[in-house]
Amino acid sequence: MVNVVSAGRFKGKRIKADCEGVFIPFGREHLDITPEIVDHIRMMSMTQNRSFLSGFLRGFFSKWLGSTAWLSAIQSAQGKSQFRIRIAYRDGTASVCVIDDCVLDQLAVTFDLI
């Protein structure tokens, strides 16, 4: 599962990103992940997953149409990155999260990493 807290504080909760920032929703309330409550964020690992279905469908239709580009279409399956990060809060607790590139980009903007 992606965009979820996998261990530590808030385990099992989803992580969402919008144009204003990253947050953990709790029903009607939510916790904004901001520099005021976060001590630091550490990247633990990154994995690249390829979507087999995307490449297969493109390859299938290319071959059906008679094009020889079907081999490259299969190989060009969309890559989806997942990042495992550790968010250390100022109160001494931490969360380990699995996020995608959209949430990571918003965290980079929020914490002035870019």
PDB file of N, CA and C in Angstrom:
ATOM      1  N   MET A   1       0.838  -1.173   0.000  1.00  0.00           N
ATOM      2  CA  MET A   1       0.000   0.000   0.000  1.00  0.00           C
ATOM      3  C   MET A   1       0.887   1.242   0.000  1.00  0.00           C
ATOM      4  N   VAL A   2       0.447   2.262  -0.663  1.00  0.00           N
ATOM      5  CA  VAL A   2       1.224   3.484  -0.777  1.00  0.00           C
ATOM      6  C   VAL A   2       0.457   4.633  -0.124  1.00  0.00           C
ATOM      7  N   ASN A   3       1.196   5.640   0.315  1.00  0.00           N
ATOM      8  CA  ASN A   3       0.665   6.803   1.022  1.00  0.00           C
ATOM      9  C   ASN A   3      -0.038   6.396   2.310  1.00  0.00           C
ATOM     10  N   VAL A   4       0.684   5.643   3.113  1.00  0.00           N
ATOM     11  CA  VAL A   4       0.155   5.164   4.385  1.00  0.00           C
ATOM     12  C   VAL A   4       1.289   5.133   5.411  1.00  0.00           C
ATOM     13  N   VAL A   5       0.927   5.333   6.683  1.00  0.00           N
ATOM     14  CA  VAL A   5       1.896   5.198   7.772  1.00  0.00           C
ATOM     15  C   VAL A   5       1.996   3.715   8.087  1.00  0.00           C
ATOM     16  N   SER A   6       3.179   3.124   7.904  1.00  0.00           N
ATOM     17  CA  SER A   6       3.333   1.676   8.067  1.00  0.00           C
ATOM     18  C   SER A   6       3.817   1.278   9.450  1.00  0.00           C
ATOM     19  N   ALA A   7       4.410   2.193  10.206  1.00  0.00           N
ATOM     20  CA  ALA A   7       4.887   1.861  11.554  1.00  0.00           C
ATOM     21  C   ALA A   7       4.998   3.132  12.384  1.00  0.00           C
ATOM     22  N   GLY A   8       4.969   2.955  13.696  1.00  0.00           N
ATOM     23  CA  GLY A   8       5.145   4.079  14.610  1.00  0.00           C
ATOM     24  C   GLY A   8       3.854   4.822  14.882  1.00  0.00           C
ATOM     25  N   ARG A   9       4.001   6.093  15.198  1.00  0.00           N
ATOM     26  CA  ARG A   9       2.856   6.935  15.517  1.00  0.00           C
ATOM     27  C   ARG A   9       1.930   7.050  14.305  1.00  0.00           C
ATOM     28  N   PHE A  10       0.647   6.944  14.511  1.00  0.00           N
ATOM     29  CA  PHE A  10      -0.400   7.007  13.481  1.00  0.00           C
ATOM     30  C   PHE A  10      -0.363   5.816  12.531  1.00  0.00           C
ATOM     31  N   LYS A  11       0.104   4.657  12.988  1.00  0.00           N
ATOM     32  CA  LYS A  11       0.191   3.463  12.141  1.00  0.00           C
ATOM     33  C   LYS A  11      -1.176   3.137  11.540  1.00  0.00           C
ATOM     34  N   GLY A  12      -1.179   2.840  10.240  1.00  0.00           N
ATOM     35  CA  GLY A  12      -2.398   2.484   9.530  1.00  0.00           C
ATOM     36  C   GLY A  12      -3.158   3.660   8.945  1.00  0.00           C
ATOM     37  N   LYS A  13      -2.776   4.878   9.283  1.00  0.00           N
ATOM     38  CA  LYS A  13      -3.466   6.064   8.758  1.00  0.00           C
ATOM     39  C   LYS A  13      -2.950   6.401   7.366  1.00  0.00           C
ATOM     40  N   ARG A  14      -3.816   6.962   6.544  1.00  0.00           N
ATOM     41  CA  ARG A  14      -3.448   7.391   5.194  1.00  0.00           C
ATOM     42  C   ARG A  14      -2.739   8.741   5.249  1.00  0.00           C
ATOM     43  N   ILE A  15      -1.939   9.013   4.250  1.00  0.00           N
ATOM     44  CA  ILE A  15      -1.288  10.311   4.086  1.00  0.00           C
ATOM     45  C   ILE A  15      -1.798  10.896   2.778  1.00  0.00           C
ATOM     46  N   LYS A  16      -2.212  12.140   2.828  1.00  0.00           N
ATOM     47  CA  LYS A  16      -2.748  12.782   1.628  1.00  0.00           C
ATOM     48  C   LYS A  16      -1.995  14.079   1.363  1.00  0.00           C
ATOM     49  N   ALA A  17      -1.974  14.467   0.094  1.00  0.00           N
ATOM     50  CA  ALA A  17      -1.336  15.720  -0.310  1.00  0.00           C
ATOM     51  C   ALA A  17      -2.300  16.500  -1.186  1.00  0.00           C
ATOM     52  N   ASP A  18      -2.313  17.808  -0.982  1.00  0.00           N
ATOM     53  CA  ASP A  18      -3.054  18.690  -1.875  1.00  0.00           C
ATOM     54  C   ASP A  18      -2.145  19.865  -2.210  1.00  0.00           C
ATOM     55  N   CYS A  19      -2.684  20.889  -2.818  1.00  0.00           N
ATOM     56  CA  CYS A  19      -1.854  22.017  -3.230  1.00  0.00           C
ATOM     57  C   CYS A  19      -1.317  22.822  -2.048  1.00  0.00           C
ATOM     58  N   GLU A  20      -1.892  22.635  -0.864  1.00  0.00           N
ATOM     59  CA  GLU A  20      -1.459  23.390   0.306  1.00  0.00           C
ATOM     60  C   GLU A  20      -0.443  22.658   1.161  1.00  0.00           C
ATOM     61  N   GLY A  21      -0.393  21.340   1.102  1.00  0.00           N
ATOM     62  CA  GLY A  21       0.560  20.597   1.916  1.00  0.00           C
ATOM     63  C   GLY A  21       0.194  19.139   2.057  1.00  0.00           C
ATOM     64  N   VAL A  22       0.909  18.481   2.978  1.00  0.00           N
ATOM     65  CA  VAL A  22       0.706  17.063   3.264  1.00  0.00           C
ATOM     66  C   VAL A  22       0.030  16.961   4.622  1.00  0.00           C
ATOM     67  N   PHE A  23      -0.931  16.039   4.752  1.00  0.00           N
ATOM     68  CA  PHE A  23      -1.649  15.906   6.015  1.00  0.00           C
ATOM     69  C   PHE A  23      -2.093  14.470   6.226  1.00  0.00           C
ATOM     70  N   ILE A  24      -2.386  14.156   7.499  1.00  0.00           N
ATOM     71  CA  ILE A  24      -2.940  12.860   7.887  1.00  0.00           C
ATOM     72  C   ILE A  24      -4.368  13.122   8.349  1.00  0.00           C
ATOM     73  N   PRO A  25      -5.376  12.608   7.625  1.00  0.00           N
ATOM     74  CA  PRO A  25      -6.765  12.873   8.011  1.00  0.00           C
ATOM     75  C   PRO A  25      -7.230  11.983   9.164  1.00  0.00           C
ATOM     76  N   PHE A  26      -8.040  12.565  10.040  1.00  0.00           N
ATOM     77  CA  PHE A  26      -8.679  11.857  11.150  1.00  0.00           C
ATOM     78  C   PHE A  26     -10.166  12.182  11.122  1.00  0.00           C
ATOM     79  N   GLY A  27     -10.896  11.629  10.199  1.00  0.00           N
ATOM     80  CA  GLY A  27     -12.313  11.967  10.075  1.00  0.00           C
ATOM     81  C   GLY A  27     -12.468  13.388   9.581  1.00  0.00           C
ATOM     82  N   ARG A  28     -13.102  14.244  10.390  1.00  0.00           N
ATOM     83  CA  ARG A  28     -13.279  15.637   9.987  1.00  0.00           C
ATOM     84  C   ARG A  28     -12.039  16.479  10.259  1.00  0.00           C
ATOM     85  N   GLU A  29     -11.191  16.038  11.150  1.00  0.00           N
ATOM     86  CA  GLU A  29      -9.965  16.761  11.492  1.00  0.00           C
ATOM     87  C   GLU A  29      -8.795  16.188  10.708  1.00  0.00           C
ATOM     88  N   HIS A  30      -7.689  16.919  10.685  1.00  0.00           N
ATOM     89  CA  HIS A  30      -6.475  16.412  10.059  1.00  0.00           C
ATOM     90  C   HIS A  30      -5.248  17.044  10.712  1.00  0.00           C
ATOM     91  N   LEU A  31      -4.125  16.361  10.585  1.00  0.00           N
ATOM     92  CA  LEU A  31      -2.853  16.837  11.122  1.00  0.00           C
ATOM     93  C   LEU A  31      -1.969  17.239   9.954  1.00  0.00           C
ATOM     94  N   ASP A  32      -1.634  18.520   9.872  1.00  0.00           N
ATOM     95  CA  ASP A  32      -0.743  19.005   8.820  1.00  0.00           C
ATOM     96  C   ASP A  32       0.696  18.638   9.160  1.00  0.00           C
ATOM     97  N   ILE A  33       1.412  18.097   8.185  1.00  0.00           N
ATOM     98  CA  ILE A  33       2.827  17.777   8.360  1.00  0.00           C
ATOM     99  C   ILE A  33       3.607  19.036   7.992  1.00  0.00           C
ATOM    100  N   THR A  34       3.976  19.814   9.002  1.00  0.00           N
ATOM    101  CA  THR A  34       4.641  21.100   8.803  1.00  0.00           C
ATOM    102  C   THR A  34       5.925  21.158   9.620  1.00  0.00           C
ATOM    103  N   PRO A  35       6.811  22.111   9.318  1.00  0.00           N
ATOM    104  CA  PRO A  35       8.050  22.248  10.094  1.00  0.00           C
ATOM    105  C   PRO A  35       7.822  22.557  11.577  1.00  0.00           C
ATOM    106  N   GLU A  36       6.641  23.044  11.936  1.00  0.00           N
ATOM    107  CA  GLU A  36       6.362  23.349  13.340  1.00  0.00           C
ATOM    108  C   GLU A  36       6.263  22.092  14.199  1.00  0.00           C
ATOM    109  N   ILE A  37       5.803  20.971  13.630  1.00  0.00           N
ATOM    110  CA  ILE A  37       5.652  19.748  14.420  1.00  0.00           C
ATOM    111  C   ILE A  37       6.666  18.666  14.059  1.00  0.00           C
ATOM    112  N   VAL A  38       7.397  18.851  12.947  1.00  0.00           N
ATOM    113  CA  VAL A  38       8.343  17.832  12.486  1.00  0.00           C
ATOM    114  C   VAL A  38       9.764  18.278  12.783  1.00  0.00           C
ATOM    115  N   ASP A  39      10.534  17.392  13.430  1.00  0.00           N
ATOM    116  CA  ASP A  39      11.942  17.670  13.705  1.00  0.00           C
ATOM    117  C   ASP A  39      12.775  17.449  12.446  1.00  0.00           C
ATOM    118  N   HIS A  40      12.628  16.285  11.836  1.00  0.00           N
ATOM    119  CA  HIS A  40      13.326  16.009  10.574  1.00  0.00           C
ATOM    120  C   HIS A  40      12.639  14.862   9.835  1.00  0.00           C
ATOM    121  N   ILE A  41      12.931  14.775   8.542  1.00  0.00           N
ATOM    122  CA  ILE A  41      12.438  13.694   7.689  1.00  0.00           C
ATOM    123  C   ILE A  41      13.652  13.030   7.060  1.00  0.00           C
ATOM    124  N   ARG A  42      13.691  11.696   7.132  1.00  0.00           N
ATOM    125  CA  ARG A  42      14.824  10.950   6.586  1.00  0.00           C
ATOM    126  C   ARG A  42      14.326   9.948   5.552  1.00  0.00           C
ATOM    127  N   MET A  43      14.986   9.918   4.409  1.00  0.00           N
ATOM    128  CA  MET A  43      14.673   8.938   3.365  1.00  0.00           C
ATOM    129  C   MET A  43      15.334   7.622   3.743  1.00  0.00           C
ATOM    130  N   MET A  44      14.541   6.556   3.815  1.00  0.00           N
ATOM    131  CA  MET A  44      15.073   5.248   4.186  1.00  0.00           C
ATOM    132  C   MET A  44      15.352   4.382   2.964  1.00  0.00           C
ATOM    133  N   SER A  45      14.431   4.362   1.997  1.00  0.00           N
ATOM    134  CA  SER A  45      14.634   3.545   0.799  1.00  0.00           C
ATOM    135  C   SER A  45      13.734   4.033  -0.324  1.00  0.00           C
ATOM    136  N   MET A  46      14.041   3.552  -1.542  1.00  0.00           N
ATOM    137  CA  MET A  46      13.238   3.861  -2.707  1.00  0.00           C
ATOM    138  C   MET A  46      13.133   2.609  -3.564  1.00  0.00           C
ATOM    139  N   THR A  47      11.934   2.324  -4.060  1.00  0.00           N
ATOM    140  CA  THR A  47      11.745   1.192  -4.962  1.00  0.00           C
ATOM    141  C   THR A  47      11.050   1.674  -6.222  1.00  0.00           C
ATOM    142  N   GLN A  48      11.379   1.044  -7.329  1.00  0.00           N
ATOM    143  CA  GLN A  48      10.783   1.382  -8.622  1.00  0.00           C
ATOM    144  C   GLN A  48       9.971   0.187  -9.087  1.00  0.00           C
ATOM    145  N   ASN A  49       8.679   0.366  -9.248  1.00  0.00           N
ATOM    146  CA  ASN A  49       7.792  -0.691  -9.735  1.00  0.00           C
ATOM    147  C   ASN A  49       7.339  -0.348 -11.141  1.00  0.00           C
ATOM    148  N   ARG A  50       7.329  -1.338 -12.000  1.00  0.00           N
ATOM    149  CA  ARG A  50       6.852  -1.132 -13.367  1.00  0.00           C
ATOM    150  C   ARG A  50       5.441  -1.703 -13.494  1.00  0.00           C
ATOM    151  N   SER A  51       4.595  -0.973 -14.150  1.00  0.00           N
ATOM    152  CA  SER A  51       3.221  -1.405 -14.369  1.00  0.00           C
ATOM    153  C   SER A  51       3.187  -2.344 -15.571  1.00  0.00           C
ATOM    154  N   PHE A  52       3.055  -3.635 -15.308  1.00  0.00           N
ATOM    155  CA  PHE A  52       3.037  -4.627 -16.384  1.00  0.00           C
ATOM    156  C   PHE A  52       1.825  -4.431 -17.280  1.00  0.00           C
ATOM    157  N   LEU A  53       0.691  -4.130 -16.684  1.00  0.00           N
ATOM    158  CA  LEU A  53      -0.542  -3.979 -17.461  1.00  0.00           C
ATOM    159  C   LEU A  53      -0.425  -2.851 -18.483  1.00  0.00           C
ATOM    160  N   SER A  54       0.178  -1.740 -18.090  1.00  0.00           N
ATOM    161  CA  SER A  54       0.342  -0.609 -19.001  1.00  0.00           C
ATOM    162  C   SER A  54       1.172  -1.000 -20.218  1.00  0.00           C
ATOM    163  N   GLY A  55       2.296  -1.636 -19.991  1.00  0.00           N
ATOM    164  CA  GLY A  55       3.150  -2.058 -21.100  1.00  0.00           C
ATOM    165  C   GLY A  55       2.505  -3.136 -21.947  1.00  0.00           C
ATOM    166  N   PHE A  56       1.803  -4.060 -21.301  1.00  0.00           N
ATOM    167  CA  PHE A  56       1.153  -5.145 -22.041  1.00  0.00           C
ATOM    168  C   PHE A  56       0.085  -4.609 -22.986  1.00  0.00           C
ATOM    169  N   LEU A  57      -0.755  -3.702 -22.489  1.00  0.00           N
ATOM    170  CA  LEU A  57      -1.825  -3.156 -23.329  1.00  0.00           C
ATOM    171  C   LEU A  57      -1.272  -2.373 -24.512  1.00  0.00           C
ATOM    172  N   ARG A  58      -0.248  -1.562 -24.263  1.00  0.00           N
ATOM    173  CA  ARG A  58       0.341  -0.811 -25.370  1.00  0.00           C
ATOM    174  C   ARG A  58       0.983  -1.751 -26.383  1.00  0.00           C
ATOM    175  N   GLY A  59       1.665  -2.771 -25.884  1.00  0.00           N
ATOM    176  CA  GLY A  59       2.287  -3.748 -26.777  1.00  0.00           C
ATOM    177  C   GLY A  59       1.264  -4.543 -27.564  1.00  0.00           C
ATOM    178  N   PHE A  60       0.169  -4.922 -26.917  1.00  0.00           N
ATOM    179  CA  PHE A  60      -0.885  -5.692 -27.576  1.00  0.00           C
ATOM    180  C   PHE A  60      -1.490  -4.919 -28.742  1.00  0.00           C
ATOM    181  N   PHE A  61      -1.839  -3.648 -28.488  1.00  0.00           N
ATOM    182  CA  PHE A  61      -2.465  -2.863 -29.547  1.00  0.00           C
ATOM    183  C   PHE A  61      -1.480  -2.516 -30.659  1.00  0.00           C
ATOM    184  N   SER A  62      -0.219  -2.315 -30.325  1.00  0.00           N
ATOM    185  CA  SER A  62       0.777  -2.046 -31.367  1.00  0.00           C
ATOM    186  C   SER A  62       0.963  -3.261 -32.260  1.00  0.00           C
ATOM    187  N   LYS A  63       1.006  -4.446 -31.664  1.00  0.00           N
ATOM    188  CA  LYS A  63       1.172  -5.665 -32.458  1.00  0.00           C
ATOM    189  C   LYS A  63      -0.086  -5.920 -33.293  1.00  0.00           C
ATOM    190  N   TRP A  64      -1.246  -5.669 -32.728  1.00  0.00           N
ATOM    191  CA  TRP A  64      -2.507  -5.882 -33.431  1.00  0.00           C
ATOM    192  C   TRP A  64      -2.619  -4.973 -34.653  1.00  0.00           C
ATOM    193  N   LEU A  65      -2.066  -3.758 -34.530  1.00  0.00           N
ATOM    194  CA  LEU A  65      -2.106  -2.818 -35.650  1.00  0.00           C
ATOM    195  C   LEU A  65      -1.012  -3.095 -36.676  1.00  0.00           C
ATOM    196  N   GLY A  66      -0.130  -4.049 -36.406  1.00  0.00           N
ATOM    197  CA  GLY A  66       0.893  -4.413 -37.364  1.00  0.00           C
ATOM    198  C   GLY A  66       2.189  -3.644 -37.227  1.00  0.00           C
ATOM    199  N   SER A  67       2.343  -2.872 -36.193  1.00  0.00           N
ATOM    200  CA  SER A  67       3.563  -2.103 -35.995  1.00  0.00           C
ATOM    201  C   SER A  67       4.645  -2.987 -35.384  1.00  0.00           C
ATOM    202  N   THR A  68       5.886  -2.701 -35.719  1.00  0.00           N
ATOM    203  CA  THR A  68       6.999  -3.441 -35.111  1.00  0.00           C
ATOM    204  C   THR A  68       7.468  -2.783 -33.819  1.00  0.00           C
ATOM    205  N   ALA A  69       6.809  -1.711 -33.421  1.00  0.00           N
ATOM    206  CA  ALA A  69       7.206  -1.007 -32.203  1.00  0.00           C
ATOM    207  C   ALA A  69       6.622  -1.643 -30.952  1.00  0.00           C
ATOM    208  N   TRP A  70       5.976  -2.802 -31.071  1.00  0.00           N
ATOM    209  CA  TRP A  70       5.329  -3.410 -29.909  1.00  0.00           C
ATOM    210  C   TRP A  70       6.329  -3.867 -28.861  1.00  0.00           C
ATOM    211  N   LEU A  71       7.538  -4.246 -29.283  1.00  0.00           N
ATOM    212  CA  LEU A  71       8.541  -4.657 -28.293  1.00  0.00           C
ATOM    213  C   LEU A  71       8.958  -3.488 -27.412  1.00  0.00           C
ATOM    214  N   SER A  72       9.187  -2.341 -28.012  1.00  0.00           N
ATOM    215  CA  SER A  72       9.574  -1.180 -27.209  1.00  0.00           C
ATOM    216  C   SER A  72       8.411  -0.689 -26.359  1.00  0.00           C
ATOM    217  N   ALA A  73       7.189  -0.879 -26.815  1.00  0.00           N
ATOM    218  CA  ALA A  73       6.029  -0.468 -26.019  1.00  0.00           C
ATOM    219  C   ALA A  73       5.917  -1.300 -24.752  1.00  0.00           C
ATOM    220  N   ILE A  74       6.218  -2.597 -24.853  1.00  0.00           N
ATOM    221  CA  ILE A  74       6.181  -3.450 -23.663  1.00  0.00           C
ATOM    222  C   ILE A  74       7.260  -3.029 -22.676  1.00  0.00           C
ATOM    223  N   GLN A  75       8.438  -2.692 -23.193  1.00  0.00           N
ATOM    224  CA  GLN A  75       9.547  -2.317 -22.319  1.00  0.00           C
ATOM    225  C   GLN A  75       9.355  -0.945 -21.696  1.00  0.00           C
ATOM    226  N   SER A  76       8.508  -0.117 -22.270  1.00  0.00           N
ATOM    227  CA  SER A  76       8.337   1.242 -21.758  1.00  0.00           C
ATOM    228  C   SER A  76       7.182   1.346 -20.771  1.00  0.00           C
ATOM    229  N   ALA A  77       6.932   0.285 -20.039  1.00  0.00           N
ATOM    230  CA  ALA A  77       5.865   0.318 -19.031  1.00  0.00           C
ATOM    231  C   ALA A  77       6.147   1.433 -18.033  1.00  0.00           C
ATOM    232  N   GLN A  78       5.091   2.062 -17.588  1.00  0.00           N
ATOM    233  CA  GLN A  78       5.250   3.194 -16.684  1.00  0.00           C
ATOM    234  C   GLN A  78       5.881   2.758 -15.372  1.00  0.00           C
ATOM    235  N   GLY A  79       6.892   3.499 -14.943  1.00  0.00           N
ATOM    236  CA  GLY A  79       7.530   3.232 -13.663  1.00  0.00           C
ATOM    237  C   GLY A  79       6.878   4.038 -12.560  1.00  0.00           C
ATOM    238  N   LYS A  80       6.628   3.393 -11.442  1.00  0.00           N
ATOM    239  CA  LYS A  80       6.037   4.072 -10.297  1.00  0.00           C
ATOM    240  C   LYS A  80       6.992   3.913  -9.123  1.00  0.00           C
ATOM    241  N   SER A  81       7.420   5.028  -8.564  1.00  0.00           N
ATOM    242  CA  SER A  81       8.363   4.995  -7.456  1.00  0.00           C
ATOM    243  C   SER A  81       7.622   5.037  -6.133  1.00  0.00           C
ATOM    244  N   GLN A  82       8.144   4.281  -5.172  1.00  0.00           N
ATOM    245  CA  GLN A  82       7.653   4.327  -3.800  1.00  0.00           C
ATOM    246  C   GLN A  82       8.833   4.643  -2.901  1.00  0.00           C
ATOM    247  N   PHE A  83       8.601   5.519  -1.932  1.00  0.00           N
ATOM    248  CA  PHE A  83       9.646   5.953  -1.027  1.00  0.00           C
ATOM    249  C   PHE A  83       9.253   5.594   0.396  1.00  0.00           C
ATOM    250  N   ARG A  84      10.201   5.073   1.162  1.00  0.00           N
ATOM    251  CA  ARG A  84       9.983   4.815   2.584  1.00  0.00           C
ATOM    252  C   ARG A  84      10.728   5.911   3.336  1.00  0.00           C
ATOM    253  N   ILE A  85       9.973   6.710   4.099  1.00  0.00           N
ATOM    254  CA  ILE A  85      10.570   7.814   4.844  1.00  0.00           C
ATOM    255  C   ILE A  85      10.263   7.662   6.331  1.00  0.00           C
ATOM    256  N   ARG A  86      11.078   8.317   7.136  1.00  0.00           N
ATOM    257  CA  ARG A  86      10.856   8.363   8.586  1.00  0.00           C
ATOM    258  C   ARG A  86      10.643   9.819   8.961  1.00  0.00           C
ATOM    259  N   ILE A  87       9.486  10.095   9.546  1.00  0.00           N
ATOM    260  CA  ILE A  87       9.168  11.442  10.011  1.00  0.00           C
ATOM    261  C   ILE A  87       9.358  11.455  11.520  1.00  0.00           C
ATOM    262  N   ALA A  88      10.315  12.244  12.001  1.00  0.00           N
ATOM    263  CA  ALA A  88      10.555  12.387  13.439  1.00  0.00           C
ATOM    264  C   ALA A  88       9.864  13.665  13.913  1.00  0.00           C
ATOM    265  N   TYR A  89       8.963  13.508  14.879  1.00  0.00           N
ATOM    266  CA  TYR A  89       8.212  14.649  15.396  1.00  0.00           C
ATOM    267  C   TYR A  89       8.974  15.298  16.547  1.00  0.00           C
ATOM    268  N   ARG A  90       8.641  16.535  16.848  1.00  0.00           N
ATOM    269  CA  ARG A  90       9.332  17.284  17.901  1.00  0.00           C
ATOM    270  C   ARG A  90       9.061  16.741  19.302  1.00  0.00           C
ATOM    271  N   ASP A  91       7.993  15.952  19.479  1.00  0.00           N
ATOM    272  CA  ASP A  91       7.703  15.383  20.799  1.00  0.00           C
ATOM    273  C   ASP A  91       8.457  14.080  21.055  1.00  0.00           C
ATOM    274  N   GLY A  92       9.342  13.672  20.136  1.00  0.00           N
ATOM    275  CA  GLY A  92      10.154  12.476  20.330  1.00  0.00           C
ATOM    276  C   GLY A  92       9.608  11.219  19.678  1.00  0.00           C
ATOM    277  N   THR A  93       8.425  11.259  19.109  1.00  0.00           N
ATOM    278  CA  THR A  93       7.854  10.096  18.429  1.00  0.00           C
ATOM    279  C   THR A  93       8.209  10.155  16.941  1.00  0.00           C
ATOM    280  N   ALA A  94       7.912   9.063  16.246  1.00  0.00           N
ATOM    281  CA  ALA A  94       8.232   9.004  14.815  1.00  0.00           C
ATOM    282  C   ALA A  94       7.217   8.146  14.080  1.00  0.00           C
ATOM    283  N   SER A  95       7.148   8.329  12.777  1.00  0.00           N
ATOM    284  CA  SER A  95       6.310   7.524  11.892  1.00  0.00           C
ATOM    285  C   SER A  95       7.149   7.079  10.706  1.00  0.00           C
ATOM    286  N   VAL A  96       6.978   5.826  10.308  1.00  0.00           N
ATOM    287  CA  VAL A  96       7.583   5.329   9.076  1.00  0.00           C
ATOM    288  C   VAL A  96       6.463   5.259   8.048  1.00  0.00           C
ATOM    289  N   CYS A  97       6.676   5.894   6.903  1.00  0.00           N
ATOM    290  CA  CYS A  97       5.629   6.025   5.895  1.00  0.00           C
ATOM    291  C   CYS A  97       6.110   5.520   4.544  1.00  0.00           C
ATOM    292  N   VAL A  98       5.187   4.963   3.776  1.00  0.00           N
ATOM    293  CA  VAL A  98       5.435   4.597   2.382  1.00  0.00           C
ATOM    294  C   VAL A  98       4.627   5.573   1.538  1.00  0.00           C
ATOM    295  N   ILE A  99       5.334   6.365   0.722  1.00  0.00           N
ATOM    296  CA  ILE A  99       4.677   7.421  -0.046  1.00  0.00           C
ATOM    297  C   ILE A  99       5.059   7.323  -1.522  1.00  0.00           C
ATOM    298  N   ASP A 100       4.300   8.010  -2.362  1.00  0.00           N
ATOM    299  CA  ASP A 100       4.626   8.076  -3.782  1.00  0.00           C
ATOM    300  C   ASP A 100       5.298   9.412  -4.091  1.00  0.00           C
ATOM    301  N   ASP A 101       5.610   9.636  -5.358  1.00  0.00           N
ATOM    302  CA  ASP A 101       6.342  10.833  -5.739  1.00  0.00           C
ATOM    303  C   ASP A 101       5.524  12.111  -5.572  1.00  0.00           C
ATOM    304  N   CYS A 102       4.204  12.042  -5.649  1.00  0.00           N
ATOM    305  CA  CYS A 102       3.373  13.239  -5.462  1.00  0.00           C
ATOM    306  C   CYS A 102       3.482  13.770  -4.036  1.00  0.00           C
ATOM    307  N   VAL A 103       3.403  12.870  -3.058  1.00  0.00           N
ATOM    308  CA  VAL A 103       3.519  13.281  -1.653  1.00  0.00           C
ATOM    309  C   VAL A 103       4.939  13.753  -1.368  1.00  0.00           C
ATOM    310  N   LEU A 104       5.938  13.068  -1.922  1.00  0.00           N
ATOM    311  CA  LEU A 104       7.329  13.471  -1.717  1.00  0.00           C
ATOM    312  C   LEU A 104       7.587  14.861  -2.289  1.00  0.00           C
ATOM    313  N   ASP A 105       7.046  15.145  -3.460  1.00  0.00           N
ATOM    314  CA  ASP A 105       7.207  16.472  -4.058  1.00  0.00           C
ATOM    315  C   ASP A 105       6.587  17.550  -3.180  1.00  0.00           C
ATOM    316  N   GLN A 106       5.414  17.287  -2.620  1.00  0.00           N
ATOM    317  CA  GLN A 106       4.764  18.276  -1.764  1.00  0.00           C
ATOM    318  C   GLN A 106       5.538  18.467  -0.466  1.00  0.00           C
ATOM    319  N   LEU A 107       6.104  17.387   0.090  1.00  0.00           N
ATOM    320  CA  LEU A 107       6.952  17.520   1.282  1.00  0.00           C
ATOM    321  C   LEU A 107       8.189  18.355   0.973  1.00  0.00           C
ATOM    322  N   ALA A 108       8.766  18.164  -0.206  1.00  0.00           N
ATOM    323  CA  ALA A 108       9.941  18.942  -0.603  1.00  0.00           C
ATOM    324  C   ALA A 108       9.612  20.428  -0.687  1.00  0.00           C
ATOM    325  N   VAL A 109       8.429  20.754  -1.177  1.00  0.00           N
ATOM    326  CA  VAL A 109       8.010  22.153  -1.246  1.00  0.00           C
ATOM    327  C   VAL A 109       7.757  22.699   0.157  1.00  0.00           C
ATOM    328  N   THR A 110       7.072  21.934   0.995  1.00  0.00           N
ATOM    329  CA  THR A 110       6.734  22.377   2.349  1.00  0.00           C
ATOM    330  C   THR A 110       7.977  22.625   3.193  1.00  0.00           C
ATOM    331  N   PHE A 111       8.980  21.753   3.062  1.00  0.00           N
ATOM    332  CA  PHE A 111      10.182  21.848   3.884  1.00  0.00           C
ATOM    333  C   PHE A 111      11.342  22.528   3.157  1.00  0.00           C
ATOM    334  N   ASP A 112      11.076  23.203   2.056  1.00  0.00           N
ATOM    335  CA  ASP A 112      12.082  23.949   1.283  1.00  0.00           C
ATOM    336  C   ASP A 112      13.294  23.101   0.932  1.00  0.00           C
ATOM    337  N   LEU A 113      13.043  21.882   0.452  1.00  0.00           N
ATOM    338  CA  LEU A 113      14.132  20.994   0.072  1.00  0.00           C
ATOM    339  C   LEU A 113      14.544  21.185  -1.380  1.00  0.00           C
ATOM    340  N   ILE A 114      13.745  21.940  -2.132  1.00  0.00           N
ATOM    341  CA  ILE A 114      14.093  22.170  -3.545  1.00  0.00           C
ATOM    342  C   ILE A 114      14.346  23.631  -3.793  1.00  0.00           C
TER     343      ILE A 114
END
